[in-house]
Protein backbone atom coordinates (compact mmCIF):
# COMPACT_ATOMS: atom_id res chain seq x y z
CA MET A 1 -10.61 -27.55 -3.97
CA THR A 2 -13.76 -26.02 -5.47
CA THR A 3 -15.16 -22.70 -4.41
CA ASP A 4 -18.75 -21.55 -4.56
CA PRO A 5 -19.57 -19.09 -7.35
CA PRO A 6 -19.98 -15.48 -6.21
CA LEU A 7 -23.46 -14.18 -5.48
CA LEU A 8 -22.72 -11.13 -7.59
CA GLU A 9 -19.92 -10.67 -10.11
CA ALA A 10 -18.98 -7.71 -12.28
CA THR A 11 -16.41 -8.09 -15.06
CA GLY A 12 -15.00 -5.15 -16.99
CA LEU A 13 -17.92 -3.02 -15.83
CA THR A 14 -17.97 0.39 -17.52
CA ARG A 15 -20.50 3.20 -17.24
CA SER A 16 -20.38 6.42 -19.22
CA PHE A 17 -22.61 9.51 -19.20
CA SER A 18 -22.56 12.11 -21.99
CA GLY A 19 -19.08 11.07 -23.08
CA GLN A 20 -17.69 10.98 -19.53
CA THR A 21 -16.66 7.58 -18.16
CA VAL A 22 -17.66 7.12 -14.50
CA LEU A 23 -16.74 3.44 -14.09
CA HIS A 24 -13.60 2.14 -15.76
CA GLY A 25 -13.66 -1.63 -16.34
CA VAL A 26 -14.48 -2.58 -12.75
CA ASP A 27 -14.03 -6.21 -11.67
CA LEU A 28 -15.83 -7.21 -8.47
CA ARG A 29 -16.95 -10.37 -6.72
CA VAL A 30 -19.42 -10.32 -3.84
CA ARG A 31 -19.78 -13.57 -1.96
CA ASP A 32 -22.96 -14.84 -0.36
CA GLY A 33 -22.93 -13.55 3.23
CA ASP A 34 -20.49 -10.70 2.62
CA PHE A 35 -20.81 -7.52 4.68
CA LEU A 36 -18.96 -4.89 2.69
CA SER A 37 -18.75 -1.15 2.31
CA VAL A 38 -17.57 1.01 -0.59
CA MET A 39 -15.62 4.18 0.19
CA GLY A 40 -14.05 6.93 -1.87
CA PRO A 41 -14.14 10.68 -2.49
CA SER A 42 -17.15 12.37 -4.03
CA GLY A 43 -17.34 11.57 -7.73
CA SER A 44 -15.33 8.37 -7.41
CA GLY A 45 -18.23 6.26 -8.74
CA LYS A 46 -19.43 4.62 -5.52
CA SER A 47 -23.15 5.13 -6.04
CA THR A 48 -22.90 4.51 -9.78
CA LEU A 49 -21.28 1.15 -9.01
CA LEU A 50 -24.10 0.22 -6.64
CA TYR A 51 -26.83 1.24 -9.08
CA THR A 52 -25.20 -0.51 -12.02
CA ILE A 53 -24.48 -3.85 -10.35
CA SER A 54 -28.06 -3.93 -9.04
CA GLY A 55 -29.53 -3.31 -12.49
CA MET A 56 -31.00 0.06 -11.51
CA ASP A 57 -28.71 1.70 -14.04
CA THR A 58 -27.59 0.41 -17.45
CA MET A 59 -23.97 -0.62 -17.98
CA SER A 60 -22.11 0.76 -20.99
CA ALA A 61 -19.79 -2.25 -21.29
CA GLY A 62 -18.80 -5.34 -19.36
CA ALA A 63 -21.00 -7.86 -17.59
CA VAL A 64 -22.83 -8.32 -14.30
CA ARG A 65 -24.11 -11.67 -13.08
CA PHE A 66 -26.37 -12.05 -10.05
CA SER A 67 -27.02 -15.59 -8.78
CA GLY A 68 -25.80 -16.81 -12.16
CA GLN A 69 -28.13 -14.54 -14.14
CA ASP A 70 -26.71 -12.18 -16.76
CA LEU A 71 -28.34 -8.80 -16.09
CA ALA A 72 -27.61 -7.53 -19.60
CA ALA A 73 -29.65 -10.41 -21.06
CA MET A 74 -32.72 -9.57 -18.98
CA SER A 75 -35.63 -7.36 -20.05
CA GLN A 76 -36.61 -4.34 -17.96
CA LYS A 77 -39.59 -6.31 -16.67
CA GLU A 78 -37.33 -9.20 -15.63
CA LEU A 79 -34.87 -6.81 -13.98
CA SER A 80 -37.67 -5.11 -12.06
CA ARG A 81 -38.93 -8.47 -10.85
CA LEU A 82 -35.41 -9.51 -9.80
CA ARG A 83 -34.90 -6.31 -7.82
CA LEU A 84 -38.33 -6.60 -6.24
CA THR A 85 -37.93 -10.19 -5.06
CA SER A 86 -34.18 -10.72 -4.56
CA MET A 87 -32.73 -7.29 -3.70
CA GLY A 88 -33.48 -4.77 -0.99
CA PHE A 89 -32.54 -1.09 -1.13
CA ILE A 90 -31.97 1.48 1.63
CA PHE A 91 -31.22 5.07 0.70
CA GLN A 92 -30.05 8.13 2.63
CA HIS A 93 -33.55 9.58 2.27
CA VAL A 94 -36.21 6.90 2.69
CA HIS A 95 -38.71 8.15 0.07
CA LEU A 96 -41.82 6.80 1.77
CA LEU A 97 -45.27 7.52 0.33
CA LYS A 98 -46.99 10.21 2.39
CA ASN A 99 -50.48 8.99 1.52
CA LEU A 100 -49.83 5.61 3.16
CA CYS A 101 -49.37 4.77 6.82
CA LEU A 102 -45.98 3.34 7.79
CA LEU A 103 -47.25 -0.26 7.85
CA ASP A 104 -48.61 0.07 4.32
CA ASN A 105 -45.31 1.56 3.17
CA VAL A 106 -43.54 -1.55 4.44
CA VAL A 107 -46.08 -3.91 2.88
CA LEU A 108 -46.19 -2.21 -0.54
CA PRO A 109 -43.25 -4.08 -2.25
CA ALA A 110 -44.65 -7.42 -1.09
CA TYR A 111 -48.12 -6.49 -2.31
CA LEU A 112 -46.65 -5.60 -5.70
CA ALA A 113 -44.75 -8.90 -5.81
CA GLY A 114 -47.90 -10.85 -5.03
CA LEU A 115 -46.04 -13.48 -3.05
CA ALA A 116 -48.60 -14.00 -0.29
CA PRO A 117 -52.10 -12.94 0.86
CA ARG A 118 -52.42 -9.47 2.39
CA ALA A 119 -52.99 -10.82 5.91
CA ALA A 120 -49.72 -12.77 5.76
CA LEU A 121 -47.91 -9.72 4.41
CA ASN A 122 -49.22 -7.56 7.26
CA ASP A 123 -48.07 -10.17 9.76
CA ARG A 124 -44.56 -10.28 8.28
CA ALA A 125 -44.37 -6.49 8.14
CA LEU A 126 -45.38 -6.17 11.80
CA LYS A 127 -42.79 -8.77 12.81
CA LEU A 128 -40.09 -6.84 10.95
CA MET A 129 -41.23 -3.59 12.55
CA GLU A 130 -41.17 -5.26 15.96
CA ARG A 131 -37.67 -6.58 15.32
CA THR A 132 -36.44 -3.11 14.43
CA GLY A 133 -38.25 -1.40 17.28
CA VAL A 134 -40.90 0.56 15.36
CA ALA A 135 -44.00 -1.67 15.63
CA GLU A 136 -45.84 0.99 17.65
CA LEU A 137 -45.65 3.30 14.61
CA ALA A 138 -47.55 0.97 12.27
CA ASP A 139 -50.61 3.21 11.93
CA ARG A 140 -48.70 6.49 12.00
CA ASP A 141 -48.13 8.84 9.09
CA VAL A 142 -44.68 9.53 7.66
CA SER A 143 -44.66 12.95 9.32
CA GLU A 144 -45.08 11.38 12.78
CA ALA A 145 -41.73 9.58 12.91
CA SER A 146 -38.13 10.71 13.44
CA GLY A 147 -35.36 10.30 10.88
CA GLY A 148 -33.97 7.26 12.66
CA GLN A 149 -37.40 5.68 12.90
CA LEU A 150 -38.06 6.30 9.21
CA GLN A 151 -34.77 4.65 8.31
CA ARG A 152 -35.84 1.60 10.32
CA ILE A 153 -39.10 1.61 8.37
CA GLY A 154 -37.00 1.75 5.20
CA ILE A 155 -35.08 -1.33 6.33
CA CYS A 156 -38.34 -3.17 7.01
CA ARG A 157 -39.58 -2.24 3.54
CA ALA A 158 -36.30 -3.46 2.02
CA LEU A 159 -36.62 -6.79 3.86
CA ILE A 160 -40.31 -7.50 3.29
CA ASN A 161 -39.62 -9.84 0.33
CA SER A 162 -36.68 -11.62 2.08
CA PRO A 163 -34.00 -10.38 -0.36
CA THR A 164 -30.75 -12.23 -0.91
CA ILE A 165 -28.77 -8.98 -0.84
CA LEU A 166 -29.38 -5.62 0.80
CA PHE A 167 -27.90 -2.51 -0.86
CA GLY A 168 -27.49 0.74 1.06
CA ASP A 169 -26.54 4.11 -0.43
CA GLU A 170 -25.39 6.24 2.52
CA PRO A 171 -28.10 4.70 4.74
CA THR A 172 -26.79 6.54 7.82
CA GLY A 173 -25.77 9.76 6.07
CA ALA A 174 -28.73 11.80 7.30
CA LEU A 175 -28.70 10.45 10.87
CA ASP A 176 -27.01 11.52 14.08
CA SER A 177 -24.34 9.22 15.53
CA ALA A 178 -26.69 7.44 17.95
CA ALA A 179 -29.25 6.65 15.24
CA ALA A 180 -26.48 5.60 12.84
CA THR A 181 -25.15 3.16 15.44
CA GLU A 182 -28.63 1.68 15.88
CA ILE A 183 -29.02 1.21 12.12
CA MET A 184 -25.60 -0.46 11.86
CA ASP A 185 -26.55 -2.77 14.74
CA ILE A 186 -29.62 -3.86 12.77
CA LEU A 187 -27.65 -4.36 9.54
CA ALA A 188 -25.00 -6.40 11.36
CA GLU A 189 -27.70 -8.58 12.88
CA LEU A 190 -29.29 -9.12 9.47
CA ASN A 191 -25.92 -10.05 8.01
CA ALA A 192 -25.27 -12.50 10.84
CA ASP A 193 -28.59 -14.12 9.92
CA GLY A 194 -27.36 -14.65 6.36
CA THR A 195 -28.31 -11.53 4.36
CA THR A 196 -25.53 -10.16 2.16
CA VAL A 197 -25.09 -6.42 2.80
CA MET A 198 -23.31 -3.89 0.58
CA LEU A 199 -23.13 -0.24 1.64
CA VAL A 200 -21.85 2.96 0.08
CA THR A 201 -20.56 5.30 2.81
CA HIS A 202 -18.22 8.24 3.30
CA ASP A 203 -17.92 7.56 7.05
CA PRO A 204 -14.91 5.47 8.22
CA ARG A 205 -16.71 4.72 11.49
CA ILE A 206 -19.52 3.04 9.54
CA ALA A 207 -17.13 1.20 7.22
CA ALA A 208 -15.09 0.03 10.22
CA ARG A 209 -18.07 -2.07 11.29
CA THR A 210 -18.18 -4.01 8.02
CA GLU A 211 -16.03 -7.04 7.26
CA ARG A 212 -14.74 -5.85 3.91
CA VAL A 213 -14.02 -2.38 2.51
CA LEU A 214 -13.55 -1.43 -1.14
CA SER A 215 -11.74 1.82 -1.90
CA MET A 216 -12.68 3.63 -5.12
CA VAL A 217 -10.85 6.45 -6.91
CA ASP A 218 -11.81 7.88 -10.31
CA GLY A 219 -14.18 5.04 -11.17
CA ARG A 220 -11.78 2.24 -10.27
CA ILE A 221 -11.50 -0.09 -7.29
CA VAL A 222 -8.00 0.57 -5.98
CA GLY A 223 -8.14 -1.37 -2.73
CA ASP A 224 -9.93 -4.30 -1.13
CA ARG A 225 -9.50 -4.68 2.62
CA ARG A 226 -10.77 -7.63 4.65
CA GLN A 227 -10.78 -6.63 8.29
CA GLY A 228 -12.77 -9.44 9.93
CA ARG A 229 -16.14 -9.38 11.64
CA TYR A 230 -16.69 -6.56 14.10
CA ASP A 231 -17.17 -8.05 17.58
CA GLY A 232 -18.43 -4.94 19.35
CA THR A 233 -15.01 -3.89 20.69
CA ARG A 234 -12.04 -1.80 19.48
CA LEU A 235 -14.12 0.27 17.06
CA ASP A 236 -11.82 3.28 17.46
CA GLN A 237 -8.81 1.10 16.64
CA ARG A 238 -10.55 -0.40 13.60
CA GLN A 239 -11.49 3.07 12.39
CA THR A 240 -7.92 4.32 12.86
CA GLU A 241 -6.47 1.35 10.97
CA LEU A 242 -9.01 1.75 8.17
CA SER A 243 -8.38 5.49 7.86
CA GLN A 244 -4.64 4.85 7.67
CA TRP A 245 -5.17 2.22 4.97
CA LEU A 246 -7.27 4.65 2.96
CA MET A 247 -4.65 7.39 3.34
CA ASP A 248 -1.79 5.10 2.33
CA GLY A 249 -3.69 4.13 -0.80
CA GLU A 250 -1.96 0.77 -0.99
CA PRO A 251 -3.77 -1.35 -3.60
CA VAL A 252 -4.97 -4.76 -2.52
CA GLY A 253 -6.02 -7.37 -5.06
CA VAL A 254 -9.79 -7.55 -5.52
CA ARG A 255 -11.02 -10.93 -4.36
């Protein structure tokens, strides 16, 4: 039986800074349609892993392939184009441009990519903003929206070029529990529609809503848990089981 190649694959991935190794020969496969989270203590290499496999940071050794493309063989211009058109990014702090209205902030990556006329880009941006419940804010300034609303704008911006994969670095870390739940509802819906989602989080309640959880310690993946799709029920039980798995520290083969 043949299996489809992974969407993203890291082999022997190593990253060092100033003589200190942060990632130690990481092997990872992310399948098309995965919904996974990466957990671990501060300094375990979670964010470094995300930035390195997305080409935002340079690997020290090893290899990363995305949709069959070797990132190490690509120029900075090619990497930038790949990230712009095939990857979306959501961060804990949205980093929107204060001199642009919220609609223009969403449209900006698509305008830079030059994939469609401005009118079509505006239309897509407004549809995304409507889908995420912030269409009424299109003409507002950054200062006129709440943290949860700004994170929704950040999701719209990340989706404007229809990326294959959506990366999130603590995308709910600065939000209250209600706003975090709303953001996870949106991400789950996007994943159900076919977008691969990979999140870094410190929150077991957030990770409990993903289908797969990677546990990192000291720059290594030490566990890989597949817990099934969250169906909207038993979240407390899933969180308890996940927290126990993390405490036990029982390694699971990376798949």
